[in-house]
Amino acid sequence: MKKIILIVVLLLLLVASGIIYFRYFYVFGEGVKSGHLNYVVLKGDVFKTYEGKLIQGGFKSRSAGTIQSNDFEFSIVNKSIAEKMMTNSGKWFDLHYREYHHVVAWRGNTVYVVDSILSMRDDY
């Protein structure tokens, strides 16, 4: 009986580990976003993370009759990338990002995590 309980507990732990990995650490998607860097800030109560916003070309509408800019909000885990972006706010960036299913507090406030700067220039 103890052997069966041990096997069931180990299987439950294995399944729980797989679910946690898939929900929080599996890279769901990767891509490149381009636009003018609006800001990058360091914020957080317990876990200080770098958060930023990129303003992309074009407009979007959440409801009929409204127009707003097309923003891309993201987190940055690499301090050197964040500092480079902070000193070049307002420039045009091409950023490579990874998309996760859910947020992890020490990784940032968004599911989009920028991991590299592909290019940076003054004008578009």
PDB file of N, CA and C in Angstrom:
ATOM      1  N   MET A   1       0.826  -1.205   0.000  1.00  0.00           N
ATOM      2  CA  MET A   1       0.000   0.000   0.000  1.00  0.00           C
ATOM      3  C   MET A   1       0.865   1.263   0.000  1.00  0.00           C
ATOM      4  N   LYS A   2       1.971   1.243   0.771  1.00  0.00           N
ATOM      5  CA  LYS A   2       2.851   2.405   0.827  1.00  0.00           C
ATOM      6  C   LYS A   2       3.499   2.662  -0.534  1.00  0.00           C
ATOM      7  N   LYS A   3       3.790   1.597  -1.255  1.00  0.00           N
ATOM      8  CA  LYS A   3       4.402   1.729  -2.572  1.00  0.00           C
ATOM      9  C   LYS A   3       3.444   2.401  -3.559  1.00  0.00           C
ATOM     10  N   ILE A   4       2.181   2.052  -3.504  1.00  0.00           N
ATOM     11  CA  ILE A   4       1.168   2.645  -4.387  1.00  0.00           C
ATOM     12  C   ILE A   4       1.011   4.134  -4.071  1.00  0.00           C
ATOM     13  N   ILE A   5       0.966   4.484  -2.793  1.00  0.00           N
ATOM     14  CA  ILE A   5       0.838   5.887  -2.383  1.00  0.00           C
ATOM     15  C   ILE A   5       2.050   6.686  -2.859  1.00  0.00           C
ATOM     16  N   LEU A   6       3.240   6.111  -2.726  1.00  0.00           N
ATOM     17  CA  LEU A   6       4.461   6.768  -3.173  1.00  0.00           C
ATOM     18  C   LEU A   6       4.434   7.011  -4.682  1.00  0.00           C
ATOM     19  N   ILE A   7       4.011   6.035  -5.444  1.00  0.00           N
ATOM     20  CA  ILE A   7       3.926   6.172  -6.901  1.00  0.00           C
ATOM     21  C   ILE A   7       2.908   7.246  -7.283  1.00  0.00           C
ATOM     22  N   VAL A   8       1.758   7.254  -6.630  1.00  0.00           N
ATOM     23  CA  VAL A   8       0.721   8.252  -6.913  1.00  0.00           C
ATOM     24  C   VAL A   8       1.237   9.656  -6.580  1.00  0.00           C
ATOM     25  N   VAL A   9       1.892   9.813  -5.438  1.00  0.00           N
ATOM     26  CA  VAL A   9       2.427  11.123  -5.045  1.00  0.00           C
ATOM     27  C   VAL A   9       3.488  11.584  -6.048  1.00  0.00           C
ATOM     28  N   LEU A  10       4.383  10.695  -6.458  1.00  0.00           N
ATOM     29  CA  LEU A  10       5.408  11.054  -7.427  1.00  0.00           C
ATOM     30  C   LEU A  10       4.798  11.433  -8.773  1.00  0.00           C
ATOM     31  N   LEU A  11       3.767  10.713  -9.199  1.00  0.00           N
ATOM     32  CA  LEU A  11       3.086  11.057 -10.452  1.00  0.00           C
ATOM     33  C   LEU A  11       2.402  12.424 -10.359  1.00  0.00           C
ATOM     34  N   LEU A  12       1.766  12.697  -9.218  1.00  0.00           N
ATOM     35  CA  LEU A  12       1.125  13.997  -9.023  1.00  0.00           C
ATOM     36  C   LEU A  12       2.157  15.127  -9.031  1.00  0.00           C
ATOM     37  N   LEU A  13       3.306  14.907  -8.405  1.00  0.00           N
ATOM     38  CA  LEU A  13       4.375  15.909  -8.420  1.00  0.00           C
ATOM     39  C   LEU A  13       4.912  16.128  -9.833  1.00  0.00           C
ATOM     40  N   LEU A  14       5.041  15.055 -10.583  1.00  0.00           N
ATOM     41  CA  LEU A  14       5.518  15.155 -11.955  1.00  0.00           C
ATOM     42  C   LEU A  14       4.530  15.932 -12.830  1.00  0.00           C
ATOM     43  N   VAL A  15       3.260  15.627 -12.688  1.00  0.00           N
ATOM     44  CA  VAL A  15       2.227  16.334 -13.453  1.00  0.00           C
ATOM     45  C   VAL A  15       2.173  17.809 -13.043  1.00  0.00           C
ATOM     46  N   ALA A  16       2.236  18.097 -11.736  1.00  0.00           N
ATOM     47  CA  ALA A  16       2.215  19.483 -11.258  1.00  0.00           C
ATOM     48  C   ALA A  16       3.432  20.253 -11.776  1.00  0.00           C
ATOM     49  N   SER A  17       4.593  19.609 -11.788  1.00  0.00           N
ATOM     50  CA  SER A  17       5.809  20.250 -12.306  1.00  0.00           C
ATOM     51  C   SER A  17       5.658  20.578 -13.785  1.00  0.00           C
ATOM     52  N   GLY A  18       5.095  19.668 -14.543  1.00  0.00           N
ATOM     53  CA  GLY A  18       4.875  19.907 -15.964  1.00  0.00           C
ATOM     54  C   GLY A  18       3.921  21.056 -16.212  1.00  0.00           C
ATOM     55  N   ILE A  19       2.855  21.122 -15.436  1.00  0.00           N
ATOM     56  CA  ILE A  19       1.878  22.202 -15.581  1.00  0.00           C
ATOM     57  C   ILE A  19       2.508  23.543 -15.228  1.00  0.00           C
ATOM     58  N   ILE A  20       3.258  23.597 -14.142  1.00  0.00           N
ATOM     59  CA  ILE A  20       3.918  24.847 -13.738  1.00  0.00           C
ATOM     60  C   ILE A  20       4.913  25.289 -14.792  1.00  0.00           C
ATOM     61  N   TYR A  21       5.697  24.349 -15.304  1.00  0.00           N
ATOM     62  CA  TYR A  21       6.657  24.690 -16.358  1.00  0.00           C
ATOM     63  C   TYR A  21       5.929  25.242 -17.587  1.00  0.00           C
ATOM     64  N   PHE A  22       4.891  24.589 -18.031  1.00  0.00           N
ATOM     65  CA  PHE A  22       4.167  25.012 -19.224  1.00  0.00           C
ATOM     66  C   PHE A  22       3.521  26.379 -19.028  1.00  0.00           C
ATOM     67  N   ARG A  23       2.933  26.636 -17.873  1.00  0.00           N
ATOM     68  CA  ARG A  23       2.224  27.897 -17.638  1.00  0.00           C
ATOM     69  C   ARG A  23       3.161  29.080 -17.431  1.00  0.00           C
ATOM     70  N   TYR A  24       4.326  28.863 -16.799  1.00  0.00           N
ATOM     71  CA  TYR A  24       5.152  29.998 -16.395  1.00  0.00           C
ATOM     72  C   TYR A  24       6.532  30.091 -17.059  1.00  0.00           C
ATOM     73  N   PHE A  25       7.066  29.013 -17.600  1.00  0.00           N
ATOM     74  CA  PHE A  25       8.433  29.043 -18.100  1.00  0.00           C
ATOM     75  C   PHE A  25       8.585  28.611 -19.554  1.00  0.00           C
ATOM     76  N   TYR A  26       7.573  28.040 -20.146  1.00  0.00           N
ATOM     77  CA  TYR A  26       7.612  27.619 -21.539  1.00  0.00           C
ATOM     78  C   TYR A  26       7.468  28.844 -22.432  1.00  0.00           C
ATOM     79  N   VAL A  27       8.358  29.014 -23.395  1.00  0.00           N
ATOM     80  CA  VAL A  27       8.282  30.144 -24.324  1.00  0.00           C
ATOM     81  C   VAL A  27       7.204  29.835 -25.352  1.00  0.00           C
ATOM     82  N   PHE A  28       6.111  30.586 -25.259  1.00  0.00           N
ATOM     83  CA  PHE A  28       4.950  30.397 -26.115  1.00  0.00           C
ATOM     84  C   PHE A  28       5.195  30.936 -27.514  1.00  0.00           C
ATOM     85  N   GLY A  29       5.901  32.053 -27.600  1.00  0.00           N
ATOM     86  CA  GLY A  29       6.164  32.661 -28.894  1.00  0.00           C
ATOM     87  C   GLY A  29       7.374  33.574 -28.842  1.00  0.00           C
ATOM     88  N   GLU A  30       7.943  33.843 -30.010  1.00  0.00           N
ATOM     89  CA  GLU A  30       9.060  34.771 -30.140  1.00  0.00           C
ATOM     90  C   GLU A  30       8.789  35.665 -31.328  1.00  0.00           C
ATOM     91  N   GLY A  31       9.339  36.861 -31.281  1.00  0.00           N
ATOM     92  CA  GLY A  31       9.132  37.760 -32.406  1.00  0.00           C
ATOM     93  C   GLY A  31       9.930  39.032 -32.280  1.00  0.00           C
ATOM     94  N   VAL A  32       9.654  39.962 -33.197  1.00  0.00           N
ATOM     95  CA  VAL A  32      10.324  41.256 -33.229  1.00  0.00           C
ATOM     96  C   VAL A  32       9.251  42.334 -33.289  1.00  0.00           C
ATOM     97  N   LYS A  33       9.404  43.339 -32.465  1.00  0.00           N
ATOM     98  CA  LYS A  33       8.521  44.514 -32.502  1.00  0.00           C
ATOM     99  C   LYS A  33       9.391  45.735 -32.756  1.00  0.00           C
ATOM    100  N   SER A  34       8.858  46.672 -33.544  1.00  0.00           N
ATOM    101  CA  SER A  34       9.580  47.894 -33.879  1.00  0.00           C
ATOM    102  C   SER A  34       8.736  49.103 -33.527  1.00  0.00           C
ATOM    103  N   GLY A  35       9.404  50.156 -33.074  1.00  0.00           N
ATOM    104  CA  GLY A  35       8.698  51.386 -32.764  1.00  0.00           C
ATOM    105  C   GLY A  35       9.567  52.345 -31.980  1.00  0.00           C
ATOM    106  N   HIS A  36       8.976  53.472 -31.621  1.00  0.00           N
ATOM    107  CA  HIS A  36       9.669  54.477 -30.826  1.00  0.00           C
ATOM    108  C   HIS A  36       9.561  54.097 -29.352  1.00  0.00           C
ATOM    109  N   LEU A  37      10.689  54.116 -28.674  1.00  0.00           N
ATOM    110  CA  LEU A  37      10.701  53.781 -27.252  1.00  0.00           C
ATOM    111  C   LEU A  37      10.120  54.938 -26.466  1.00  0.00           C
ATOM    112  N   ASN A  38       9.038  54.699 -25.765  1.00  0.00           N
ATOM    113  CA  ASN A  38       8.394  55.717 -24.952  1.00  0.00           C
ATOM    114  C   ASN A  38       9.110  55.842 -23.607  1.00  0.00           C
ATOM    115  N   TYR A  39       9.271  54.720 -22.892  1.00  0.00           N
ATOM    116  CA  TYR A  39       9.966  54.765 -21.607  1.00  0.00           C
ATOM    117  C   TYR A  39      10.432  53.375 -21.189  1.00  0.00           C
ATOM    118  N   VAL A  40      11.403  53.367 -20.289  1.00  0.00           N
ATOM    119  CA  VAL A  40      11.824  52.174 -19.559  1.00  0.00           C
ATOM    120  C   VAL A  40      12.013  52.606 -18.122  1.00  0.00           C
ATOM    121  N   VAL A  41      11.392  51.893 -17.190  1.00  0.00           N
ATOM    122  CA  VAL A  41      11.478  52.233 -15.774  1.00  0.00           C
ATOM    123  C   VAL A  41      11.789  50.983 -14.955  1.00  0.00           C
ATOM    124  N   LEU A  42      12.407  51.207 -13.802  1.00  0.00           N
ATOM    125  CA  LEU A  42      12.642  50.149 -12.823  1.00  0.00           C
ATOM    126  C   LEU A  42      11.586  50.320 -11.747  1.00  0.00           C
ATOM    127  N   LYS A  43      10.749  49.287 -11.559  1.00  0.00           N
ATOM    128  CA  LYS A  43       9.694  49.432 -10.559  1.00  0.00           C
ATOM    129  C   LYS A  43       9.345  48.088  -9.948  1.00  0.00           C
ATOM    130  N   GLY A  44       8.644  48.143  -8.820  1.00  0.00           N
ATOM    131  CA  GLY A  44       8.197  46.951  -8.137  1.00  0.00           C
ATOM    132  C   GLY A  44       8.317  47.107  -6.632  1.00  0.00           C
ATOM    133  N   ASP A  45       7.448  46.444  -5.892  1.00  0.00           N
ATOM    134  CA  ASP A  45       7.485  46.514  -4.440  1.00  0.00           C
ATOM    135  C   ASP A  45       8.498  45.529  -3.857  1.00  0.00           C
ATOM    136  N   VAL A  46       8.404  44.282  -4.246  1.00  0.00           N
ATOM    137  CA  VAL A  46       9.311  43.251  -3.739  1.00  0.00           C
ATOM    138  C   VAL A  46      10.375  42.928  -4.773  1.00  0.00           C
ATOM    139  N   PHE A  47       9.961  42.632  -5.988  1.00  0.00           N
ATOM    140  CA  PHE A  47      10.874  42.327  -7.081  1.00  0.00           C
ATOM    141  C   PHE A  47      10.954  43.539  -7.995  1.00  0.00           C
ATOM    142  N   LYS A  48      12.111  44.184  -8.052  1.00  0.00           N
ATOM    143  CA  LYS A  48      12.320  45.328  -8.937  1.00  0.00           C
ATOM    144  C   LYS A  48      12.590  44.800 -10.338  1.00  0.00           C
ATOM    145  N   THR A  49      11.751  45.190 -11.288  1.00  0.00           N
ATOM    146  CA  THR A  49      11.898  44.747 -12.674  1.00  0.00           C
ATOM    147  C   THR A  49      11.863  45.957 -13.594  1.00  0.00           C
ATOM    148  N   TYR A  50      12.483  45.803 -14.742  1.00  0.00           N
ATOM    149  CA  TYR A  50      12.479  46.851 -15.753  1.00  0.00           C
ATOM    150  C   TYR A  50      11.268  46.649 -16.653  1.00  0.00           C
ATOM    151  N   GLU A  51      10.487  47.709 -16.801  1.00  0.00           N
ATOM    152  CA  GLU A  51       9.278  47.684 -17.625  1.00  0.00           C
ATOM    153  C   GLU A  51       9.377  48.795 -18.657  1.00  0.00           C
ATOM    154  N   GLY A  52       8.881  48.541 -19.864  1.00  0.00           N
ATOM    155  CA  GLY A  52       8.965  49.547 -20.900  1.00  0.00           C
ATOM    156  C   GLY A  52       7.760  49.560 -21.813  1.00  0.00           C
ATOM    157  N   LYS A  53       7.705  50.611 -22.632  1.00  0.00           N
ATOM    158  CA  LYS A  53       6.622  50.743 -23.606  1.00  0.00           C
ATOM    159  C   LYS A  53       7.201  51.236 -24.923  1.00  0.00           C
ATOM    160  N   LEU A  54       6.801  50.571 -25.986  1.00  0.00           N
ATOM    161  CA  LEU A  54       7.201  50.905 -27.350  1.00  0.00           C
ATOM    162  C   LEU A  54       5.949  51.373 -28.088  1.00  0.00           C
ATOM    163  N   ILE A  55       6.027  52.518 -28.753  1.00  0.00           N
ATOM    164  CA  ILE A  55       4.894  53.022 -29.529  1.00  0.00           C
ATOM    165  C   ILE A  55       5.127  52.635 -30.981  1.00  0.00           C
ATOM    166  N   GLN A  56       4.273  51.746 -31.489  1.00  0.00           N
ATOM    167  CA  GLN A  56       4.401  51.246 -32.849  1.00  0.00           C
ATOM    168  C   GLN A  56       3.643  52.146 -33.817  1.00  0.00           C
ATOM    169  N   GLY A  57       3.973  52.034 -35.082  1.00  0.00           N
ATOM    170  CA  GLY A  57       3.268  52.801 -36.098  1.00  0.00           C
ATOM    171  C   GLY A  57       1.837  52.322 -36.246  1.00  0.00           C
ATOM    172  N   GLY A  58       0.958  53.199 -36.657  1.00  0.00           N
ATOM    173  CA  GLY A  58      -0.450  52.842 -36.860  1.00  0.00           C
ATOM    174  C   GLY A  58      -1.294  53.116 -35.637  1.00  0.00           C
ATOM    175  N   PHE A  59      -2.558  52.771 -35.758  1.00  0.00           N
ATOM    176  CA  PHE A  59      -3.523  52.992 -34.686  1.00  0.00           C
ATOM    177  C   PHE A  59      -4.339  51.738 -34.483  1.00  0.00           C
ATOM    178  N   LYS A  60      -4.948  51.641 -33.299  1.00  0.00           N
ATOM    179  CA  LYS A  60      -5.868  50.540 -33.041  1.00  0.00           C
ATOM    180  C   LYS A  60      -7.102  51.100 -32.355  1.00  0.00           C
ATOM    181  N   SER A  61      -8.156  50.329 -32.367  1.00  0.00           N
ATOM    182  CA  SER A  61      -9.413  50.754 -31.775  1.00  0.00           C
ATOM    183  C   SER A  61      -9.964  49.638 -30.901  1.00  0.00           C
ATOM    184  N   ARG A  62     -10.136  49.924 -29.624  1.00  0.00           N
ATOM    185  CA  ARG A  62     -10.708  48.927 -28.715  1.00  0.00           C
ATOM    186  C   ARG A  62     -12.231  48.894 -28.799  1.00  0.00           C
ATOM    187  N   SER A  63     -12.817  50.029 -29.134  1.00  0.00           N
ATOM    188  CA  SER A  63     -14.265  50.073 -29.302  1.00  0.00           C
ATOM    189  C   SER A  63     -14.581  51.034 -30.451  1.00  0.00           C
ATOM    190  N   ALA A  64     -15.782  50.951 -30.959  1.00  0.00           N
ATOM    191  CA  ALA A  64     -16.184  51.765 -32.106  1.00  0.00           C
ATOM    192  C   ALA A  64     -16.093  53.250 -31.779  1.00  0.00           C
ATOM    193  N   GLY A  65     -15.499  54.002 -32.697  1.00  0.00           N
ATOM    194  CA  GLY A  65     -15.438  55.444 -32.536  1.00  0.00           C
ATOM    195  C   GLY A  65     -14.240  55.947 -31.753  1.00  0.00           C
ATOM    196  N   THR A  66     -13.339  55.064 -31.321  1.00  0.00           N
ATOM    197  CA  THR A  66     -12.158  55.507 -30.585  1.00  0.00           C
ATOM    198  C   THR A  66     -10.897  55.118 -31.351  1.00  0.00           C
ATOM    199  N   ILE A  67      -9.880  55.943 -31.208  1.00  0.00           N
ATOM    200  CA  ILE A  67      -8.585  55.660 -31.823  1.00  0.00           C
ATOM    201  C   ILE A  67      -7.514  55.881 -30.768  1.00  0.00           C
ATOM    202  N   GLN A  68      -6.561  54.975 -30.699  1.00  0.00           N
ATOM    203  CA  GLN A  68      -5.438  55.152 -29.788  1.00  0.00           C
ATOM    204  C   GLN A  68      -4.189  54.596 -30.442  1.00  0.00           C
ATOM    205  N   SER A  69      -3.040  54.964 -29.880  1.00  0.00           N
ATOM    206  CA  SER A  69      -1.785  54.490 -30.459  1.00  0.00           C
ATOM    207  C   SER A  69      -1.622  52.998 -30.185  1.00  0.00           C
ATOM    208  N   ASN A  70      -0.817  52.364 -31.006  1.00  0.00           N
ATOM    209  CA  ASN A  70      -0.564  50.934 -30.890  1.00  0.00           C
ATOM    210  C   ASN A  70       0.664  50.743 -30.012  1.00  0.00           C
ATOM    211  N   ASP A  71       0.457  50.434 -28.736  1.00  0.00           N
ATOM    212  CA  ASP A  71       1.533  50.316 -27.765  1.00  0.00           C
ATOM    213  C   ASP A  71       1.910  48.864 -27.533  1.00  0.00           C
ATOM    214  N   PHE A  72       3.189  48.641 -27.270  1.00  0.00           N
ATOM    215  CA  PHE A  72       3.706  47.326 -26.908  1.00  0.00           C
ATOM    216  C   PHE A  72       4.385  47.471 -25.555  1.00  0.00           C
ATOM    217  N   GLU A  73       3.764  46.906 -24.524  1.00  0.00           N
ATOM    218  CA  GLU A  73       4.339  46.957 -23.177  1.00  0.00           C
ATOM    219  C   GLU A  73       5.090  45.670 -22.915  1.00  0.00           C
ATOM    220  N   PHE A  74       6.272  45.800 -22.300  1.00  0.00           N
ATOM    221  CA  PHE A  74       7.155  44.658 -22.143  1.00  0.00           C
ATOM    222  C   PHE A  74       7.968  44.767 -20.866  1.00  0.00           C
ATOM    223  N   SER A  75       8.594  43.660 -20.492  1.00  0.00           N
ATOM    224  CA  SER A  75       9.529  43.596 -19.379  1.00  0.00           C
ATOM    225  C   SER A  75      10.912  43.297 -19.934  1.00  0.00           C
ATOM    226  N   ILE A  76      11.935  43.655 -19.161  1.00  0.00           N
ATOM    227  CA  ILE A  76      13.323  43.406 -19.559  1.00  0.00           C
ATOM    228  C   ILE A  76      14.017  42.731 -18.380  1.00  0.00           C
ATOM    229  N   VAL A  77      14.664  41.589 -18.616  1.00  0.00           N
ATOM    230  CA  VAL A  77      15.342  40.890 -17.521  1.00  0.00           C
ATOM    231  C   VAL A  77      16.834  41.210 -17.467  1.00  0.00           C
ATOM    232  N   ASN A  78      17.405  41.740 -18.531  1.00  0.00           N
ATOM    233  CA  ASN A  78      18.830  42.031 -18.595  1.00  0.00           C
ATOM    234  C   ASN A  78      19.066  43.505 -18.266  1.00  0.00           C
ATOM    235  N   LYS A  79      19.827  43.764 -17.211  1.00  0.00           N
ATOM    236  CA  LYS A  79      20.059  45.133 -16.754  1.00  0.00           C
ATOM    237  C   LYS A  79      20.791  45.974 -17.804  1.00  0.00           C
ATOM    238  N   SER A  80      21.763  45.406 -18.501  1.00  0.00           N
ATOM    239  CA  SER A  80      22.519  46.183 -19.492  1.00  0.00           C
ATOM    240  C   SER A  80      21.635  46.605 -20.665  1.00  0.00           C
ATOM    241  N   ILE A  81      20.717  45.745 -21.085  1.00  0.00           N
ATOM    242  CA  ILE A  81      19.775  46.110 -22.148  1.00  0.00           C
ATOM    243  C   ILE A  81      18.864  47.233 -21.666  1.00  0.00           C
ATOM    244  N   ALA A  82      18.368  47.121 -20.435  1.00  0.00           N
ATOM    245  CA  ALA A  82      17.473  48.142 -19.885  1.00  0.00           C
ATOM    246  C   ALA A  82      18.182  49.487 -19.774  1.00  0.00           C
ATOM    247  N   GLU A  83      19.425  49.493 -19.318  1.00  0.00           N
ATOM    248  CA  GLU A  83      20.159  50.750 -19.185  1.00  0.00           C
ATOM    249  C   GLU A  83      20.438  51.384 -20.546  1.00  0.00           C
ATOM    250  N   LYS A  84      20.739  50.569 -21.547  1.00  0.00           N
ATOM    251  CA  LYS A  84      20.961  51.098 -22.894  1.00  0.00           C
ATOM    252  C   LYS A  84      19.683  51.732 -23.428  1.00  0.00           C
ATOM    253  N   MET A  85      18.555  51.088 -23.166  1.00  0.00           N
ATOM    254  CA  MET A  85      17.277  51.633 -23.633  1.00  0.00           C
ATOM    255  C   MET A  85      16.911  52.896 -22.858  1.00  0.00           C
ATOM    256  N   MET A  86      17.205  52.939 -21.558  1.00  0.00           N
ATOM    257  CA  MET A  86      16.894  54.121 -20.750  1.00  0.00           C
ATOM    258  C   MET A  86      17.628  55.357 -21.269  1.00  0.00           C
ATOM    259  N   THR A  87      18.866  55.177 -21.685  1.00  0.00           N
ATOM    260  CA  THR A  87      19.649  56.324 -22.148  1.00  0.00           C
ATOM    261  C   THR A  87      19.317  56.719 -23.578  1.00  0.00           C
ATOM    262  N   ASN A  88      18.515  55.945 -24.270  1.00  0.00           N
ATOM    263  CA  ASN A  88      18.158  56.234 -25.659  1.00  0.00           C
ATOM    264  C   ASN A  88      16.652  56.312 -25.870  1.00  0.00           C
ATOM    265  N   SER A  89      15.936  56.760 -24.878  1.00  0.00           N
ATOM    266  CA  SER A  89      14.484  56.882 -24.977  1.00  0.00           C
ATOM    267  C   SER A  89      14.118  57.835 -26.106  1.00  0.00           C
ATOM    268  N   GLY A  90      13.094  57.494 -26.854  1.00  0.00           N
ATOM    269  CA  GLY A  90      12.632  58.310 -27.975  1.00  0.00           C
ATOM    270  C   GLY A  90      13.173  57.857 -29.313  1.00  0.00           C
ATOM    271  N   LYS A  91      14.165  56.995 -29.303  1.00  0.00           N
ATOM    272  CA  LYS A  91      14.720  56.495 -30.562  1.00  0.00           C
ATOM    273  C   LYS A  91      13.894  55.316 -31.072  1.00  0.00           C
ATOM    274  N   TRP A  92      14.127  54.962 -32.317  1.00  0.00           N
ATOM    275  CA  TRP A  92      13.450  53.833 -32.951  1.00  0.00           C
ATOM    276  C   TRP A  92      14.214  52.556 -32.624  1.00  0.00           C
ATOM    277  N   PHE A  93      13.510  51.549 -32.108  1.00  0.00           N
ATOM    278  CA  PHE A  93      14.136  50.282 -31.732  1.00  0.00           C
ATOM    279  C   PHE A  93      13.468  49.127 -32.461  1.00  0.00           C
ATOM    280  N   ASP A  94      14.260  48.123 -32.784  1.00  0.00           N
ATOM    281  CA  ASP A  94      13.776  46.816 -33.210  1.00  0.00           C
ATOM    282  C   ASP A  94      14.156  45.857 -32.081  1.00  0.00           C
ATOM    283  N   LEU A  95      13.154  45.325 -31.386  1.00  0.00           N
ATOM    284  CA  LEU A  95      13.381  44.513 -30.193  1.00  0.00           C
ATOM    285  C   LEU A  95      12.945  43.073 -30.415  1.00  0.00           C
ATOM    286  N   HIS A  96      13.787  42.137 -30.006  1.00  0.00           N
ATOM    287  CA  HIS A  96      13.415  40.725 -30.022  1.00  0.00           C
ATOM    288  C   HIS A  96      12.822  40.394 -28.662  1.00  0.00           C
ATOM    289  N   TYR A  97      11.692  39.693 -28.657  1.00  0.00           N
ATOM    290  CA  TYR A  97      11.026  39.369 -27.396  1.00  0.00           C
ATOM    291  C   TYR A  97      10.605  37.906 -27.374  1.00  0.00           C
ATOM    292  N   ARG A  98      10.339  37.446 -26.161  1.00  0.00           N
ATOM    293  CA  ARG A  98       9.770  36.123 -25.930  1.00  0.00           C
ATOM    294  C   ARG A  98       8.433  36.300 -25.210  1.00  0.00           C
ATOM    295  N   GLU A  99       7.470  35.483 -25.595  1.00  0.00           N
ATOM    296  CA  GLU A  99       6.143  35.556 -24.986  1.00  0.00           C
ATOM    297  C   GLU A  99       5.892  34.295 -24.166  1.00  0.00           C
ATOM    298  N   TYR A 100       5.432  34.495 -22.935  1.00  0.00           N
ATOM    299  CA  TYR A 100       5.105  33.395 -22.028  1.00  0.00           C
ATOM    300  C   TYR A 100       3.596  33.374 -21.809  1.00  0.00           C
ATOM    301  N   HIS A 101       3.086  32.282 -21.281  1.00  0.00           N
ATOM    302  CA  HIS A 101       1.647  32.183 -21.019  1.00  0.00           C
ATOM    303  C   HIS A 101       1.215  33.055 -19.838  1.00  0.00           C
ATOM    304  N   HIS A 102       2.033  33.105 -18.786  1.00  0.00           N
ATOM    305  CA  HIS A 102       1.670  33.851 -17.575  1.00  0.00           C
ATOM    306  C   HIS A 102       2.884  34.593 -17.028  1.00  0.00           C
ATOM    307  N   VAL A 103       2.621  35.548 -16.163  1.00  0.00           N
ATOM    308  CA  VAL A 103       3.641  36.395 -15.553  1.00  0.00           C
ATOM    309  C   VAL A 103       4.252  35.702 -14.345  1.00  0.00           C
ATOM    310  N   VAL A 104       5.576  35.863 -14.182  1.00  0.00           N
ATOM    311  CA  VAL A 104       6.277  35.458 -12.970  1.00  0.00           C
ATOM    312  C   VAL A 104       6.820  36.738 -12.353  1.00  0.00           C
ATOM    313  N   ALA A 105       6.619  36.944 -11.061  1.00  0.00           N
ATOM    314  CA  ALA A 105       6.905  38.225 -10.409  1.00  0.00           C
ATOM    315  C   ALA A 105       8.337  38.702 -10.619  1.00  0.00           C
ATOM    316  N   TRP A 106       9.317  37.836 -10.546  1.00  0.00           N
ATOM    317  CA  TRP A 106      10.712  38.264 -10.680  1.00  0.00           C
ATOM    318  C   TRP A 106      11.142  38.456 -12.130  1.00  0.00           C
ATOM    319  N   ARG A 107      10.308  38.083 -13.077  1.00  0.00           N
ATOM    320  CA  ARG A 107      10.618  38.258 -14.493  1.00  0.00           C
ATOM    321  C   ARG A 107      10.023  39.555 -15.030  1.00  0.00           C
ATOM    322  N   GLY A 108       8.965  40.058 -14.432  1.00  0.00           N
ATOM    323  CA  GLY A 108       8.357  41.307 -14.874  1.00  0.00           C
ATOM    324  C   GLY A 108       6.855  41.294 -14.750  1.00  0.00           C
ATOM    325  N   ASN A 109       6.247  42.394 -15.181  1.00  0.00           N
ATOM    326  CA  ASN A 109       4.793  42.567 -15.055  1.00  0.00           C
ATOM    327  C   ASN A 109       4.017  42.184 -16.304  1.00  0.00           C
ATOM    328  N   THR A 110       4.711  41.779 -17.361  1.00  0.00           N
ATOM    329  CA  THR A 110       4.027  41.425 -18.604  1.00  0.00           C
ATOM    330  C   THR A 110       4.466  40.043 -19.068  1.00  0.00           C
ATOM    331  N   VAL A 111       3.715  39.488 -20.000  1.00  0.00           N
ATOM    332  CA  VAL A 111       4.072  38.184 -20.565  1.00  0.00           C
ATOM    333  C   VAL A 111       5.108  38.333 -21.677  1.00  0.00           C
ATOM    334  N   TYR A 112       5.387  39.574 -22.095  1.00  0.00           N
ATOM    335  CA  TYR A 112       6.377  39.833 -23.141  1.00  0.00           C
ATOM    336  C   TYR A 112       7.691  40.247 -22.484  1.00  0.00           C
ATOM    337  N   VAL A 113       8.767  39.511 -22.778  1.00  0.00           N
ATOM    338  CA  VAL A 113      10.075  39.793 -22.188  1.00  0.00           C
ATOM    339  C   VAL A 113      11.070  40.056 -23.309  1.00  0.00           C
ATOM    340  N   VAL A 114      11.604  41.279 -23.349  1.00  0.00           N
ATOM    341  CA  VAL A 114      12.606  41.646 -24.348  1.00  0.00           C
ATOM    342  C   VAL A 114      13.939  41.049 -23.924  1.00  0.00           C
ATOM    343  N   ASP A 115      14.580  40.324 -24.862  1.00  0.00           N
ATOM    344  CA  ASP A 115      15.858  39.699 -24.544  1.00  0.00           C
ATOM    345  C   ASP A 115      17.016  40.235 -25.370  1.00  0.00           C
ATOM    346  N   SER A 116      16.740  41.055 -26.393  1.00  0.00           N
ATOM    347  CA  SER A 116      17.835  41.649 -27.154  1.00  0.00           C
ATOM    348  C   SER A 116      17.342  42.837 -27.979  1.00  0.00           C
ATOM    349  N   ILE A 117      18.294  43.721 -28.281  1.00  0.00           N
ATOM    350  CA  ILE A 117      18.045  44.856 -29.165  1.00  0.00           C
ATOM    351  C   ILE A 117      18.643  44.492 -30.512  1.00  0.00           C
ATOM    352  N   LEU A 118      17.819  44.422 -31.541  1.00  0.00           N
ATOM    353  CA  LEU A 118      18.311  44.092 -32.874  1.00  0.00           C
ATOM    354  C   LEU A 118      18.909  45.308 -33.558  1.00  0.00           C
ATOM    355  N   SER A 119      18.246  46.465 -33.421  1.00  0.00           N
ATOM    356  CA  SER A 119      18.800  47.695 -33.976  1.00  0.00           C
ATOM    357  C   SER A 119      18.194  48.890 -33.257  1.00  0.00           C
ATOM    358  N   MET A 120      18.916  50.002 -33.367  1.00  0.00           N
ATOM    359  CA  MET A 120      18.473  51.254 -32.755  1.00  0.00           C
ATOM    360  C   MET A 120      18.905  52.376 -33.680  1.00  0.00           C
ATOM    361  N   ARG A 121      17.998  53.312 -33.952  1.00  0.00           N
ATOM    362  CA  ARG A 121      18.348  54.443 -34.805  1.00  0.00           C
ATOM    363  C   ARG A 121      17.534  55.665 -34.396  1.00  0.00           C
ATOM    364  N   ASP A 122      18.002  56.839 -34.835  1.00  0.00           N
ATOM    365  CA  ASP A 122      17.351  58.093 -34.452  1.00  0.00           C
ATOM    366  C   ASP A 122      16.018  58.295 -35.159  1.00  0.00           C
ATOM    367  N   ASP A 123      15.956  57.995 -36.442  1.00  0.00           N
ATOM    368  CA  ASP A 123      14.738  58.236 -37.222  1.00  0.00           C
ATOM    369  C   ASP A 123      14.222  56.926 -37.783  1.00  0.00           C
ATOM    370  N   TYR A 124      12.988  56.955 -38.154  1.00  0.00           N
ATOM    371  CA  TYR A 124      12.413  55.812 -38.869  1.00  0.00           C
ATOM    372  C   TYR A 124      12.387  56.111 -40.329  1.00  0.00           C
TER     373      TYR A 124
END
